[in-house]
Amino acid sequence: MGRSISLPLLATLSISLTACASKTITPEEYSGFLHDYSQLTEKKLPSGKKVLTWASPTLHAHHYTRVYIEPSLFYPEVLPTERAPQSTLSAVTHYYDTALKHELGKVMTVVETPGPDTLTIRSSIISVAARTQSLRFYEWLPVTLLAAGVSTATGIRDQDSEITTEVAVLDAVDQDVVAQIVRKETGRPLENDKQVMTLDDFKPVLDGWAFDMRQAYSSGGN
C-alpha cells in the first residue's frame, strides 16, 4: 500500500520541482543573439522582478535624445505550432515593437532611421512556451499532492504561458553595444495543455518590458 502511493508521489514531486526551476533563465537557455553574456548580472527592478542585465560604465543615456527601434524577431527562428500559431508569433513581435515605441516615445524622439545622438534597440524573442504550474502550498498535503499529479499527467492542470527576451542596446553611429538585457516572464495562466496561446496572454508582459526600458532610460541607464 505504502509503495503504491509513494511512487506517484515521487513522480509528482519531480514534476513540481521541474516547474519551479523553470522560472529563471539559465546560461543553457541563452540563444546566441547577444555577442557577450559573460558580464550579465542579476538586478532587481523597482517592481520586484529580476532580470539579467549589463550596461557600459561609460553609458550616459541622457546623451541620447533619439531612439531607433529595429523590428523585433524570433531568434533562433521559431516554427509555428498548434499551440503557438503564426498569427500569435507575428502579433507578439509587432506588439513588442509598438509597446517599445509607445513607452520610449514618452522620453525620446522615435526615429525611422539611425543617426547621431540615437540609441538602437535590437530585441529578440527567444522562446514562447507553456509550462505546468508549480504546486500551491495546500497541494503539498499527501492526498492533494497525488490528485495534482493525476491532473498533471492527464493534461488538465493549469499551465503558465512563458516568454523570454534578449535585448541589445547600441550606439546607432558606431554600433557599440552599450547595454544588454535578458529576462523571462510569465504571462496569463492557461487552462490546460491544449489551449492555444494568443497575444492577449503576453500583452501585460510586453507592456511591462517596454515600461521598464523607459524607466531605465529615465534613470540614466542604470
N, C-alpha and C. Protein backbone atom coordinates (compact mmCIF):
# COMPACT_ATOMS: atom_id res chain seq x y z
N MET A 1 0.83 -1.21 0.00
CA MET A 1 0.00 0.00 0.00
C MET A 1 0.86 1.25 0.00
N GLY A 2 1.82 1.28 0.95
CA GLY A 2 2.72 2.43 1.02
C GLY A 2 3.51 2.59 -0.25
N ARG A 3 3.95 1.47 -0.85
CA ARG A 3 4.75 1.54 -2.06
C ARG A 3 3.95 2.08 -3.23
N SER A 4 2.66 1.66 -3.35
CA SER A 4 1.85 2.10 -4.48
C SER A 4 1.57 3.59 -4.44
N ILE A 5 1.54 4.18 -3.24
CA ILE A 5 1.31 5.62 -3.14
C ILE A 5 2.60 6.40 -3.31
N SER A 6 3.70 5.84 -2.81
CA SER A 6 4.96 6.60 -2.81
C SER A 6 5.47 6.85 -4.22
N LEU A 7 5.28 5.92 -5.13
CA LEU A 7 5.79 6.11 -6.48
C LEU A 7 5.11 7.27 -7.20
N PRO A 8 3.77 7.36 -7.20
CA PRO A 8 3.14 8.54 -7.81
C PRO A 8 3.53 9.83 -7.13
N LEU A 9 3.70 9.77 -5.78
CA LEU A 9 4.09 10.98 -5.07
C LEU A 9 5.46 11.45 -5.51
N LEU A 10 6.38 10.51 -5.66
CA LEU A 10 7.72 10.87 -6.10
C LEU A 10 7.70 11.43 -7.51
N ALA A 11 6.89 10.84 -8.38
CA ALA A 11 6.79 11.34 -9.75
C ALA A 11 6.23 12.76 -9.77
N THR A 12 5.20 12.99 -8.97
CA THR A 12 4.60 14.32 -8.92
C THR A 12 5.56 15.33 -8.34
N LEU A 13 6.30 14.93 -7.30
CA LEU A 13 7.29 15.81 -6.71
C LEU A 13 8.33 16.22 -7.73
N SER A 14 8.76 15.25 -8.56
CA SER A 14 9.74 15.55 -9.59
C SER A 14 9.20 16.54 -10.59
N ILE A 15 7.93 16.36 -10.99
CA ILE A 15 7.30 17.28 -11.95
C ILE A 15 7.21 18.67 -11.36
N SER A 16 6.79 18.77 -10.10
CA SER A 16 6.61 20.08 -9.50
C SER A 16 7.92 20.81 -9.32
N LEU A 17 8.98 20.10 -8.97
CA LEU A 17 10.28 20.74 -8.82
C LEU A 17 10.79 21.24 -10.15
N THR A 18 10.53 20.50 -11.22
CA THR A 18 10.93 20.95 -12.55
C THR A 18 10.22 22.24 -12.91
N ALA A 19 8.91 22.32 -12.58
CA ALA A 19 8.15 23.52 -12.88
C ALA A 19 8.69 24.71 -12.11
N CYS A 20 9.04 24.50 -10.83
CA CYS A 20 9.57 25.60 -10.03
C CYS A 20 10.89 26.10 -10.60
N ALA A 21 11.71 25.17 -11.07
CA ALA A 21 13.04 25.54 -11.54
C ALA A 21 13.02 26.30 -12.85
N SER A 22 11.88 26.30 -13.53
CA SER A 22 11.83 26.91 -14.86
C SER A 22 11.57 28.41 -14.82
N LYS A 23 11.48 29.02 -13.63
CA LYS A 23 11.09 30.42 -13.52
C LYS A 23 12.22 31.40 -13.81
N THR A 24 13.46 30.97 -13.78
CA THR A 24 14.57 31.86 -14.07
C THR A 24 15.36 31.32 -15.26
N ILE A 25 15.95 32.21 -16.01
CA ILE A 25 16.70 31.80 -17.19
C ILE A 25 18.10 31.37 -16.79
N THR A 26 18.59 30.33 -17.40
CA THR A 26 19.92 29.81 -17.12
C THR A 26 20.81 30.00 -18.34
N PRO A 27 22.14 29.96 -18.16
CA PRO A 27 23.03 30.11 -19.32
C PRO A 27 22.74 29.12 -20.43
N GLU A 28 22.23 27.93 -20.09
CA GLU A 28 21.93 26.94 -21.12
C GLU A 28 20.80 27.40 -22.03
N GLU A 29 20.01 28.36 -21.57
CA GLU A 29 18.89 28.86 -22.37
C GLU A 29 19.26 30.05 -23.25
N TYR A 30 20.47 30.59 -23.11
CA TYR A 30 20.87 31.72 -23.94
C TYR A 30 20.81 31.32 -25.41
N SER A 31 20.37 32.23 -26.25
CA SER A 31 20.12 31.90 -27.66
C SER A 31 21.32 32.15 -28.56
N GLY A 32 22.26 33.00 -28.13
CA GLY A 32 23.34 33.41 -29.01
C GLY A 32 23.03 34.72 -29.73
N PHE A 33 21.87 35.30 -29.45
CA PHE A 33 21.51 36.58 -30.07
C PHE A 33 22.46 37.69 -29.63
N LEU A 34 22.84 37.67 -28.36
CA LEU A 34 23.79 38.64 -27.84
C LEU A 34 25.21 38.15 -28.06
N HIS A 35 26.14 39.07 -28.24
CA HIS A 35 27.52 38.69 -28.52
C HIS A 35 28.29 38.28 -27.28
N ASP A 36 27.89 38.79 -26.12
CA ASP A 36 28.65 38.53 -24.89
C ASP A 36 27.70 38.45 -23.70
N TYR A 37 27.64 37.29 -23.08
CA TYR A 37 26.79 37.09 -21.92
C TYR A 37 27.59 37.12 -20.61
N SER A 38 28.88 37.20 -20.71
CA SER A 38 29.74 36.99 -19.55
C SER A 38 29.59 38.06 -18.47
N GLN A 39 29.18 39.26 -18.84
CA GLN A 39 29.10 40.35 -17.87
C GLN A 39 27.69 40.61 -17.36
N LEU A 40 26.75 39.79 -17.75
CA LEU A 40 25.39 39.93 -17.25
C LEU A 40 25.34 39.65 -15.75
N THR A 41 24.62 40.48 -15.03
CA THR A 41 24.42 40.27 -13.60
C THR A 41 22.94 40.42 -13.28
N GLU A 42 22.51 39.77 -12.21
CA GLU A 42 21.10 39.84 -11.83
C GLU A 42 20.81 41.18 -11.15
N LYS A 43 19.71 41.80 -11.55
CA LYS A 43 19.30 43.07 -10.98
C LYS A 43 17.82 43.01 -10.62
N LYS A 44 17.49 43.53 -9.46
CA LYS A 44 16.09 43.59 -9.04
C LYS A 44 15.50 44.94 -9.41
N LEU A 45 14.42 44.93 -10.16
CA LEU A 45 13.77 46.15 -10.60
C LEU A 45 12.88 46.72 -9.49
N PRO A 46 12.50 47.99 -9.58
CA PRO A 46 11.59 48.56 -8.58
C PRO A 46 10.31 47.76 -8.42
N SER A 47 9.88 47.08 -9.49
CA SER A 47 8.68 46.25 -9.43
C SER A 47 8.88 44.97 -8.63
N GLY A 48 10.15 44.67 -8.30
CA GLY A 48 10.46 43.43 -7.59
C GLY A 48 10.88 42.31 -8.51
N LYS A 49 10.71 42.48 -9.81
CA LYS A 49 11.09 41.45 -10.77
C LYS A 49 12.60 41.47 -10.99
N LYS A 50 13.15 40.30 -11.32
CA LYS A 50 14.59 40.18 -11.52
C LYS A 50 14.92 39.98 -12.99
N VAL A 51 15.98 40.63 -13.44
CA VAL A 51 16.43 40.49 -14.82
C VAL A 51 17.95 40.31 -14.81
N LEU A 52 18.46 39.81 -15.91
CA LEU A 52 19.90 39.79 -16.12
C LEU A 52 20.23 40.98 -17.02
N THR A 53 21.19 41.77 -16.62
CA THR A 53 21.46 43.00 -17.37
C THR A 53 22.93 43.40 -17.27
N TRP A 54 23.32 44.22 -18.22
CA TRP A 54 24.66 44.82 -18.21
C TRP A 54 24.57 46.17 -18.91
N ALA A 55 25.26 47.16 -18.37
CA ALA A 55 25.34 48.47 -19.01
C ALA A 55 26.79 48.92 -19.00
N SER A 56 27.24 49.50 -20.09
CA SER A 56 28.60 50.00 -20.17
C SER A 56 28.83 51.07 -19.09
N PRO A 57 29.96 51.01 -18.40
CA PRO A 57 30.24 52.03 -17.38
C PRO A 57 30.36 53.44 -17.97
N THR A 58 30.54 53.53 -19.27
CA THR A 58 30.65 54.85 -19.91
C THR A 58 29.32 55.33 -20.48
N LEU A 59 28.26 54.53 -20.28
CA LEU A 59 26.96 54.90 -20.84
C LEU A 59 26.34 56.06 -20.06
N HIS A 60 25.98 57.09 -20.77
CA HIS A 60 25.20 58.20 -20.21
C HIS A 60 23.97 58.32 -21.10
N ALA A 61 22.91 57.65 -20.68
CA ALA A 61 21.73 57.52 -21.54
C ALA A 61 21.18 58.86 -21.98
N HIS A 62 21.26 59.87 -21.12
CA HIS A 62 20.65 61.16 -21.46
C HIS A 62 21.42 61.92 -22.54
N HIS A 63 22.58 61.41 -22.92
CA HIS A 63 23.28 61.99 -24.06
C HIS A 63 22.58 61.63 -25.37
N TYR A 64 21.72 60.61 -25.29
CA TYR A 64 20.97 60.16 -26.46
C TYR A 64 19.55 60.72 -26.36
N THR A 65 19.14 61.42 -27.37
CA THR A 65 17.81 62.04 -27.36
C THR A 65 16.83 61.37 -28.33
N ARG A 66 17.36 60.44 -29.13
CA ARG A 66 16.52 59.77 -30.12
C ARG A 66 16.70 58.26 -30.00
N VAL A 67 15.71 57.53 -30.48
CA VAL A 67 15.80 56.07 -30.41
C VAL A 67 15.27 55.48 -31.72
N TYR A 68 16.02 54.51 -32.23
CA TYR A 68 15.62 53.76 -33.42
C TYR A 68 15.35 52.33 -32.97
N ILE A 69 14.15 51.85 -33.20
CA ILE A 69 13.75 50.52 -32.75
C ILE A 69 13.69 49.58 -33.95
N GLU A 70 14.65 48.68 -34.03
CA GLU A 70 14.64 47.69 -35.10
C GLU A 70 13.45 46.74 -34.92
N PRO A 71 12.89 46.24 -36.00
CA PRO A 71 11.80 45.27 -35.85
C PRO A 71 12.28 44.05 -35.05
N SER A 72 11.54 43.72 -34.01
CA SER A 72 11.93 42.56 -33.20
C SER A 72 11.69 41.27 -33.98
N LEU A 73 12.35 40.22 -33.54
CA LEU A 73 12.28 38.95 -34.27
C LEU A 73 12.41 37.79 -33.29
N PHE A 74 12.07 36.61 -33.78
CA PHE A 74 12.31 35.40 -33.01
C PHE A 74 13.70 34.88 -33.35
N TYR A 75 14.48 34.61 -32.30
CA TYR A 75 15.83 34.12 -32.52
C TYR A 75 16.14 33.04 -31.47
N PRO A 76 16.53 31.85 -31.93
CA PRO A 76 16.52 31.42 -33.34
C PRO A 76 15.09 31.34 -33.87
N GLU A 77 14.98 31.17 -35.16
CA GLU A 77 13.66 31.16 -35.80
C GLU A 77 12.75 30.14 -35.14
N VAL A 78 11.53 30.55 -34.86
CA VAL A 78 10.55 29.67 -34.22
C VAL A 78 9.51 29.26 -35.26
N LEU A 79 9.31 27.96 -35.40
CA LEU A 79 8.29 27.47 -36.31
C LEU A 79 6.95 27.44 -35.59
N PRO A 80 5.87 27.84 -36.25
CA PRO A 80 4.55 27.82 -35.61
C PRO A 80 4.12 26.41 -35.25
N THR A 81 3.33 26.31 -34.20
CA THR A 81 2.77 25.03 -33.75
C THR A 81 1.27 25.21 -33.53
N GLU A 82 0.61 24.14 -33.17
CA GLU A 82 -0.82 24.23 -32.90
C GLU A 82 -1.10 25.15 -31.72
N ARG A 83 -0.23 25.17 -30.75
CA ARG A 83 -0.43 25.99 -29.56
C ARG A 83 0.12 27.41 -29.72
N ALA A 84 1.06 27.58 -30.64
CA ALA A 84 1.62 28.91 -30.92
C ALA A 84 1.62 29.11 -32.43
N PRO A 85 0.45 29.41 -33.02
CA PRO A 85 0.33 29.56 -34.47
C PRO A 85 1.07 30.81 -34.97
N GLN A 86 1.25 30.89 -36.27
CA GLN A 86 1.96 32.02 -36.85
C GLN A 86 1.28 33.34 -36.52
N SER A 87 -0.04 33.34 -36.45
CA SER A 87 -0.75 34.58 -36.12
C SER A 87 -0.34 35.10 -34.75
N THR A 88 -0.11 34.21 -33.81
CA THR A 88 0.32 34.62 -32.47
C THR A 88 1.76 35.12 -32.49
N LEU A 89 2.63 34.39 -33.17
CA LEU A 89 4.04 34.78 -33.22
C LEU A 89 4.20 36.16 -33.86
N SER A 90 3.51 36.39 -34.97
CA SER A 90 3.60 37.69 -35.66
C SER A 90 3.03 38.80 -34.80
N ALA A 91 1.92 38.51 -34.12
CA ALA A 91 1.30 39.52 -33.28
C ALA A 91 2.19 39.90 -32.10
N VAL A 92 2.91 38.94 -31.56
CA VAL A 92 3.79 39.19 -30.41
C VAL A 92 4.91 40.16 -30.79
N THR A 93 5.60 39.90 -31.90
CA THR A 93 6.71 40.78 -32.29
C THR A 93 6.20 42.17 -32.67
N HIS A 94 5.08 42.23 -33.37
CA HIS A 94 4.51 43.53 -33.75
C HIS A 94 4.13 44.33 -32.51
N TYR A 95 3.50 43.69 -31.56
CA TYR A 95 3.06 44.39 -30.36
C TYR A 95 4.26 44.82 -29.51
N TYR A 96 5.29 43.99 -29.46
CA TYR A 96 6.52 44.33 -28.73
C TYR A 96 7.10 45.64 -29.27
N ASP A 97 7.20 45.75 -30.58
CA ASP A 97 7.72 46.98 -31.21
C ASP A 97 6.83 48.18 -30.88
N THR A 98 5.52 47.97 -30.96
CA THR A 98 4.58 49.05 -30.68
C THR A 98 4.69 49.53 -29.23
N ALA A 99 4.82 48.58 -28.31
CA ALA A 99 4.94 48.93 -26.90
C ALA A 99 6.22 49.70 -26.63
N LEU A 100 7.33 49.27 -27.25
CA LEU A 100 8.59 49.98 -27.07
C LEU A 100 8.50 51.41 -27.60
N LYS A 101 7.92 51.57 -28.78
CA LYS A 101 7.78 52.91 -29.35
C LYS A 101 6.88 53.78 -28.49
N HIS A 102 5.83 53.20 -27.96
CA HIS A 102 4.90 53.96 -27.13
C HIS A 102 5.57 54.46 -25.86
N GLU A 103 6.30 53.58 -25.16
CA GLU A 103 6.92 53.96 -23.89
C GLU A 103 8.14 54.85 -24.10
N LEU A 104 9.04 54.45 -24.98
CA LEU A 104 10.24 55.25 -25.19
C LEU A 104 9.93 56.59 -25.85
N GLY A 105 8.84 56.62 -26.61
CA GLY A 105 8.42 57.87 -27.23
C GLY A 105 8.00 58.93 -26.23
N LYS A 106 7.78 58.53 -24.99
CA LYS A 106 7.43 59.50 -23.94
C LYS A 106 8.63 60.29 -23.46
N VAL A 107 9.83 59.73 -23.68
CA VAL A 107 11.04 60.38 -23.15
C VAL A 107 12.10 60.63 -24.22
N MET A 108 11.91 60.10 -25.44
CA MET A 108 12.85 60.27 -26.53
C MET A 108 12.06 60.47 -27.82
N THR A 109 12.77 60.90 -28.85
CA THR A 109 12.16 61.00 -30.18
C THR A 109 12.38 59.69 -30.92
N VAL A 110 11.30 59.02 -31.29
CA VAL A 110 11.39 57.77 -32.04
C VAL A 110 11.63 58.12 -33.51
N VAL A 111 12.71 57.58 -34.09
CA VAL A 111 13.07 57.90 -35.47
C VAL A 111 13.00 56.65 -36.33
N GLU A 112 12.90 56.87 -37.64
CA GLU A 112 12.76 55.76 -38.59
C GLU A 112 14.11 55.26 -39.10
N THR A 113 15.15 56.06 -38.93
CA THR A 113 16.49 55.66 -39.35
C THR A 113 17.49 56.05 -38.26
N PRO A 114 18.54 55.25 -38.07
CA PRO A 114 19.55 55.59 -37.05
C PRO A 114 20.37 56.80 -37.47
N GLY A 115 20.90 57.48 -36.46
CA GLY A 115 21.72 58.66 -36.73
C GLY A 115 22.40 59.13 -35.46
N PRO A 116 22.95 60.34 -35.47
CA PRO A 116 23.65 60.88 -34.29
C PRO A 116 22.71 60.99 -33.08
N ASP A 117 23.28 60.87 -31.89
CA ASP A 117 22.53 61.01 -30.63
C ASP A 117 21.37 60.03 -30.55
N THR A 118 21.57 58.87 -31.15
CA THR A 118 20.48 57.89 -31.25
C THR A 118 20.91 56.55 -30.65
N LEU A 119 20.00 55.95 -29.88
CA LEU A 119 20.17 54.58 -29.42
C LEU A 119 19.40 53.65 -30.35
N THR A 120 19.99 52.52 -30.69
CA THR A 120 19.30 51.48 -31.45
C THR A 120 18.89 50.37 -30.49
N ILE A 121 17.61 50.02 -30.51
CA ILE A 121 17.10 48.91 -29.70
C ILE A 121 16.96 47.70 -30.61
N ARG A 122 17.71 46.66 -30.33
CA ARG A 122 17.68 45.42 -31.13
C ARG A 122 17.17 44.31 -30.21
N SER A 123 15.92 43.92 -30.40
CA SER A 123 15.29 42.98 -29.47
C SER A 123 14.89 41.68 -30.15
N SER A 124 14.91 40.62 -29.37
CA SER A 124 14.51 39.31 -29.87
C SER A 124 13.61 38.62 -28.85
N ILE A 125 12.75 37.76 -29.35
CA ILE A 125 12.01 36.82 -28.51
C ILE A 125 12.70 35.48 -28.71
N ILE A 126 13.23 34.92 -27.67
CA ILE A 126 13.96 33.66 -27.85
C ILE A 126 13.13 32.43 -27.52
N SER A 127 11.99 32.64 -26.85
CA SER A 127 11.10 31.49 -26.63
C SER A 127 9.71 31.95 -26.22
N VAL A 128 8.73 31.18 -26.66
CA VAL A 128 7.35 31.29 -26.20
C VAL A 128 6.95 29.88 -25.84
N ALA A 129 6.53 29.67 -24.59
CA ALA A 129 6.29 28.31 -24.13
C ALA A 129 5.16 28.26 -23.12
N ALA A 130 4.69 27.07 -22.84
CA ALA A 130 3.70 26.83 -21.79
C ALA A 130 4.25 25.75 -20.88
N ARG A 131 4.17 26.00 -19.57
CA ARG A 131 4.67 25.04 -18.59
C ARG A 131 3.62 24.81 -17.52
N THR A 132 3.56 23.59 -17.03
CA THR A 132 2.61 23.26 -15.97
C THR A 132 2.93 24.06 -14.72
N GLN A 133 1.90 24.65 -14.11
CA GLN A 133 2.10 25.47 -12.94
C GLN A 133 2.67 24.66 -11.77
N SER A 134 3.52 25.31 -10.98
CA SER A 134 4.04 24.68 -9.78
C SER A 134 2.93 24.56 -8.75
N LEU A 135 3.10 23.65 -7.82
CA LEU A 135 2.06 23.39 -6.83
C LEU A 135 1.96 24.51 -5.81
N ARG A 136 0.72 24.82 -5.42
CA ARG A 136 0.49 25.77 -4.35
C ARG A 136 0.68 25.06 -3.01
N PHE A 137 0.83 25.84 -1.92
CA PHE A 137 1.20 25.28 -0.63
C PHE A 137 0.26 24.17 -0.19
N TYR A 138 -1.06 24.41 -0.28
CA TYR A 138 -2.01 23.43 0.25
C TYR A 138 -1.99 22.13 -0.55
N GLU A 139 -1.44 22.17 -1.77
CA GLU A 139 -1.42 20.96 -2.59
C GLU A 139 -0.28 20.01 -2.21
N TRP A 140 0.56 20.42 -1.25
CA TRP A 140 1.63 19.52 -0.83
C TRP A 140 1.15 18.51 0.20
N LEU A 141 -0.09 18.60 0.64
CA LEU A 141 -0.65 17.57 1.52
C LEU A 141 -0.72 16.27 0.73
N PRO A 142 -0.46 15.13 1.39
CA PRO A 142 -0.32 13.85 0.65
C PRO A 142 -1.45 13.55 -0.32
N VAL A 143 -2.72 13.71 0.11
CA VAL A 143 -3.84 13.32 -0.76
C VAL A 143 -3.95 14.28 -1.94
N THR A 144 -3.87 15.60 -1.67
CA THR A 144 -4.00 16.57 -2.75
C THR A 144 -2.79 16.54 -3.66
N LEU A 145 -1.63 16.16 -3.14
CA LEU A 145 -0.45 16.03 -3.98
C LEU A 145 -0.65 14.94 -5.00
N LEU A 146 -1.22 13.84 -4.59
CA LEU A 146 -1.50 12.74 -5.52
C LEU A 146 -2.51 13.18 -6.57
N ALA A 147 -3.54 13.92 -6.15
CA ALA A 147 -4.55 14.39 -7.10
C ALA A 147 -3.94 15.36 -8.10
N ALA A 148 -3.03 16.23 -7.63
CA ALA A 148 -2.36 17.17 -8.53
C ALA A 148 -1.52 16.44 -9.55
N GLY A 149 -0.91 15.32 -9.11
CA GLY A 149 -0.11 14.53 -10.04
C GLY A 149 -0.95 13.92 -11.13
N VAL A 150 -2.14 13.46 -10.78
CA VAL A 150 -3.06 12.90 -11.78
C VAL A 150 -3.48 13.99 -12.76
N SER A 151 -3.77 15.20 -12.25
CA SER A 151 -4.16 16.30 -13.12
C SER A 151 -3.06 16.64 -14.11
N THR A 152 -1.82 16.65 -13.62
CA THR A 152 -0.69 16.95 -14.49
C THR A 152 -0.53 15.88 -15.57
N ALA A 153 -0.65 14.63 -15.16
CA ALA A 153 -0.46 13.53 -16.11
C ALA A 153 -1.53 13.52 -17.19
N THR A 154 -2.74 13.96 -16.86
CA THR A 154 -3.83 13.92 -17.84
C THR A 154 -3.97 15.23 -18.60
N GLY A 155 -3.13 16.23 -18.30
CA GLY A 155 -3.11 17.46 -19.08
C GLY A 155 -4.18 18.47 -18.73
N ILE A 156 -4.86 18.28 -17.57
CA ILE A 156 -5.93 19.21 -17.23
C ILE A 156 -5.48 20.25 -16.21
N ARG A 157 -4.27 20.14 -15.71
CA ARG A 157 -3.78 21.11 -14.73
C ARG A 157 -3.46 22.43 -15.43
N ASP A 158 -3.70 23.56 -14.72
CA ASP A 158 -3.40 24.87 -15.28
C ASP A 158 -1.92 24.97 -15.66
N GLN A 159 -1.67 25.77 -16.70
CA GLN A 159 -0.31 25.99 -17.15
C GLN A 159 0.00 27.49 -17.16
N ASP A 160 1.28 27.80 -17.08
CA ASP A 160 1.74 29.18 -17.22
C ASP A 160 2.25 29.39 -18.64
N SER A 161 1.87 30.52 -19.24
CA SER A 161 2.50 30.91 -20.50
C SER A 161 3.78 31.66 -20.16
N GLU A 162 4.87 31.36 -20.86
CA GLU A 162 6.16 31.97 -20.59
C GLU A 162 6.74 32.57 -21.86
N ILE A 163 7.45 33.67 -21.69
CA ILE A 163 8.09 34.33 -22.83
C ILE A 163 9.42 34.89 -22.37
N THR A 164 10.42 34.80 -23.23
CA THR A 164 11.78 35.23 -22.89
C THR A 164 12.30 36.16 -23.96
N THR A 165 12.99 37.21 -23.54
CA THR A 165 13.56 38.18 -24.48
C THR A 165 15.04 38.39 -24.21
N GLU A 166 15.76 38.71 -25.26
CA GLU A 166 17.14 39.20 -25.16
C GLU A 166 17.21 40.49 -25.96
N VAL A 167 17.80 41.53 -25.37
CA VAL A 167 17.82 42.86 -25.99
C VAL A 167 19.23 43.42 -25.97
N ALA A 168 19.66 43.94 -27.10
CA ALA A 168 20.93 44.68 -27.19
C ALA A 168 20.60 46.14 -27.48
N VAL A 169 21.24 47.04 -26.75
CA VAL A 169 21.10 48.48 -26.97
C VAL A 169 22.43 48.99 -27.51
N LEU A 170 22.40 49.64 -28.66
CA LEU A 170 23.62 50.05 -29.34
C LEU A 170 23.66 51.56 -29.58
N ASP A 171 24.87 52.09 -29.67
CA ASP A 171 25.06 53.43 -30.19
C ASP A 171 24.81 53.34 -31.69
N ALA A 172 23.88 54.12 -32.21
CA ALA A 172 23.46 53.97 -33.60
C ALA A 172 24.54 54.34 -34.61
N VAL A 173 25.51 55.15 -34.20
CA VAL A 173 26.55 55.58 -35.13
C VAL A 173 27.69 54.57 -35.21
N ASP A 174 28.30 54.26 -34.06
CA ASP A 174 29.47 53.36 -34.10
C ASP A 174 29.12 51.90 -33.86
N GLN A 175 27.84 51.62 -33.55
CA GLN A 175 27.34 50.26 -33.36
C GLN A 175 27.94 49.56 -32.13
N ASP A 176 28.51 50.31 -31.23
CA ASP A 176 28.99 49.73 -29.98
C ASP A 176 27.80 49.34 -29.11
N VAL A 177 27.87 48.16 -28.51
CA VAL A 177 26.83 47.73 -27.58
C VAL A 177 27.03 48.46 -26.26
N VAL A 178 25.99 49.15 -25.80
CA VAL A 178 26.10 49.91 -24.56
C VAL A 178 25.27 49.32 -23.42
N ALA A 179 24.38 48.38 -23.75
CA ALA A 179 23.59 47.72 -22.71
C ALA A 179 23.00 46.43 -23.26
N GLN A 180 22.74 45.47 -22.34
CA GLN A 180 22.12 44.21 -22.72
C GLN A 180 21.15 43.78 -21.62
N ILE A 181 20.11 43.09 -22.05
CA ILE A 181 19.07 42.64 -21.10
C ILE A 181 18.64 41.23 -21.49
N VAL A 182 18.45 40.38 -20.50
CA VAL A 182 17.87 39.05 -20.71
C VAL A 182 16.82 38.86 -19.62
N ARG A 183 15.61 38.52 -20.00
CA ARG A 183 14.59 38.29 -18.97
C ARG A 183 13.52 37.32 -19.46
N LYS A 184 13.02 36.54 -18.51
CA LYS A 184 11.92 35.61 -18.75
C LYS A 184 10.77 35.99 -17.83
N GLU A 185 9.57 35.88 -18.35
CA GLU A 185 8.43 36.26 -17.52
C GLU A 185 7.22 35.38 -17.84
N THR A 186 6.33 35.30 -16.88
CA THR A 186 5.12 34.51 -17.01
C THR A 186 3.97 35.38 -17.45
N GLY A 187 3.25 34.92 -18.47
CA GLY A 187 2.07 35.63 -18.94
C GLY A 187 0.81 35.13 -18.26
N ARG A 188 -0.31 35.19 -18.95
CA ARG A 188 -1.57 34.76 -18.35
C ARG A 188 -1.59 33.25 -18.20
N PRO A 189 -2.23 32.73 -17.15
CA PRO A 189 -2.34 31.28 -16.99
C PRO A 189 -3.22 30.67 -18.07
N LEU A 190 -2.89 29.45 -18.44
CA LEU A 190 -3.64 28.70 -19.44
C LEU A 190 -4.42 27.60 -18.72
N GLU A 191 -5.55 27.25 -19.28
CA GLU A 191 -6.43 26.30 -18.59
C GLU A 191 -5.93 24.86 -18.67
N ASN A 192 -5.23 24.51 -19.75
CA ASN A 192 -4.77 23.14 -19.91
C ASN A 192 -3.70 23.09 -20.99
N ASP A 193 -3.23 21.88 -21.30
CA ASP A 193 -2.14 21.74 -22.27
C ASP A 193 -2.62 21.70 -23.71
N LYS A 194 -3.88 22.09 -23.94
CA LYS A 194 -4.40 22.16 -25.30
C LYS A 194 -4.72 23.60 -25.70
N GLN A 195 -4.81 24.51 -24.75
CA GLN A 195 -5.21 25.88 -25.06
C GLN A 195 -4.19 26.57 -25.94
N VAL A 196 -4.68 27.21 -27.01
CA VAL A 196 -3.83 27.94 -27.94
C VAL A 196 -3.42 29.27 -27.32
N MET A 197 -2.14 29.58 -27.34
CA MET A 197 -1.65 30.85 -26.82
C MET A 197 -1.92 31.96 -27.83
N THR A 198 -2.30 33.13 -27.31
CA THR A 198 -2.59 34.29 -28.15
C THR A 198 -1.81 35.49 -27.63
N LEU A 199 -1.84 36.58 -28.40
CA LEU A 199 -1.16 37.80 -27.99
C LEU A 199 -1.65 38.26 -26.62
N ASP A 200 -2.95 38.12 -26.35
CA ASP A 200 -3.50 38.59 -25.08
C ASP A 200 -2.82 37.94 -23.88
N ASP A 201 -2.31 36.73 -24.06
CA ASP A 201 -1.63 36.05 -22.96
C ASP A 201 -0.32 36.74 -22.60
N PHE A 202 0.25 37.49 -23.52
CA PHE A 202 1.58 38.08 -23.31
C PHE A 202 1.57 39.62 -23.27
N LYS A 203 0.43 40.25 -23.57
CA LYS A 203 0.39 41.71 -23.60
C LYS A 203 0.89 42.36 -22.32
N PRO A 204 0.45 41.93 -21.13
CA PRO A 204 0.94 42.57 -19.91
C PRO A 204 2.45 42.47 -19.75
N VAL A 205 3.03 41.34 -20.17
CA VAL A 205 4.48 41.17 -20.09
C VAL A 205 5.19 42.14 -21.02
N LEU A 206 4.74 42.21 -22.26
CA LEU A 206 5.38 43.09 -23.25
C LEU A 206 5.25 44.55 -22.84
N ASP A 207 4.10 44.93 -22.31
CA ASP A 207 3.93 46.29 -21.82
C ASP A 207 4.90 46.56 -20.67
N GLY A 208 5.07 45.58 -19.79
CA GLY A 208 5.98 45.74 -18.66
C GLY A 208 7.43 45.88 -19.10
N TRP A 209 7.82 45.10 -20.09
CA TRP A 209 9.20 45.21 -20.60
C TRP A 209 9.45 46.61 -21.16
N ALA A 210 8.51 47.12 -21.94
CA ALA A 210 8.67 48.44 -22.53
C ALA A 210 8.70 49.52 -21.44
N PHE A 211 7.83 49.39 -20.46
CA PHE A 211 7.80 50.36 -19.36
C PHE A 211 9.13 50.36 -18.61
N ASP A 212 9.65 49.18 -18.32
CA ASP A 212 10.92 49.10 -17.59
C ASP A 212 12.07 49.69 -18.40
N MET A 213 12.01 49.56 -19.72
CA MET A 213 13.07 50.14 -20.54
C MET A 213 13.01 51.67 -20.49
N ARG A 214 11.80 52.20 -20.49
CA ARG A 214 11.67 53.66 -20.34
C ARG A 214 12.19 54.10 -18.97
N GLN A 215 11.88 53.35 -17.95
CA GLN A 215 12.34 53.68 -16.61
C GLN A 215 13.86 53.65 -16.53
N ALA A 216 14.47 52.66 -17.21
CA ALA A 216 15.92 52.56 -17.22
C ALA A 216 16.54 53.79 -17.89
N TYR A 217 15.95 54.22 -19.01
CA TYR A 217 16.45 55.43 -19.67
C TYR A 217 16.31 56.64 -18.77
N SER A 218 15.16 56.76 -18.12
CA SER A 218 14.90 57.92 -17.27
C SER A 218 15.86 57.98 -16.08
N SER A 219 16.35 56.82 -15.66
CA SER A 219 17.28 56.78 -14.53
C SER A 219 18.74 56.88 -14.98
N GLY A 220 18.93 57.12 -16.28
CA GLY A 220 20.29 57.28 -16.79
C GLY A 220 20.92 56.01 -17.29
N GLY A 221 20.11 54.94 -17.45
CA GLY A 221 20.64 53.68 -17.96
C GLY A 221 21.06 52.72 -16.88
N ASN A 222 20.89 53.08 -15.62
CA ASN A 222 21.30 52.22 -14.51
C ASN A 222 20.15 51.40 -13.97
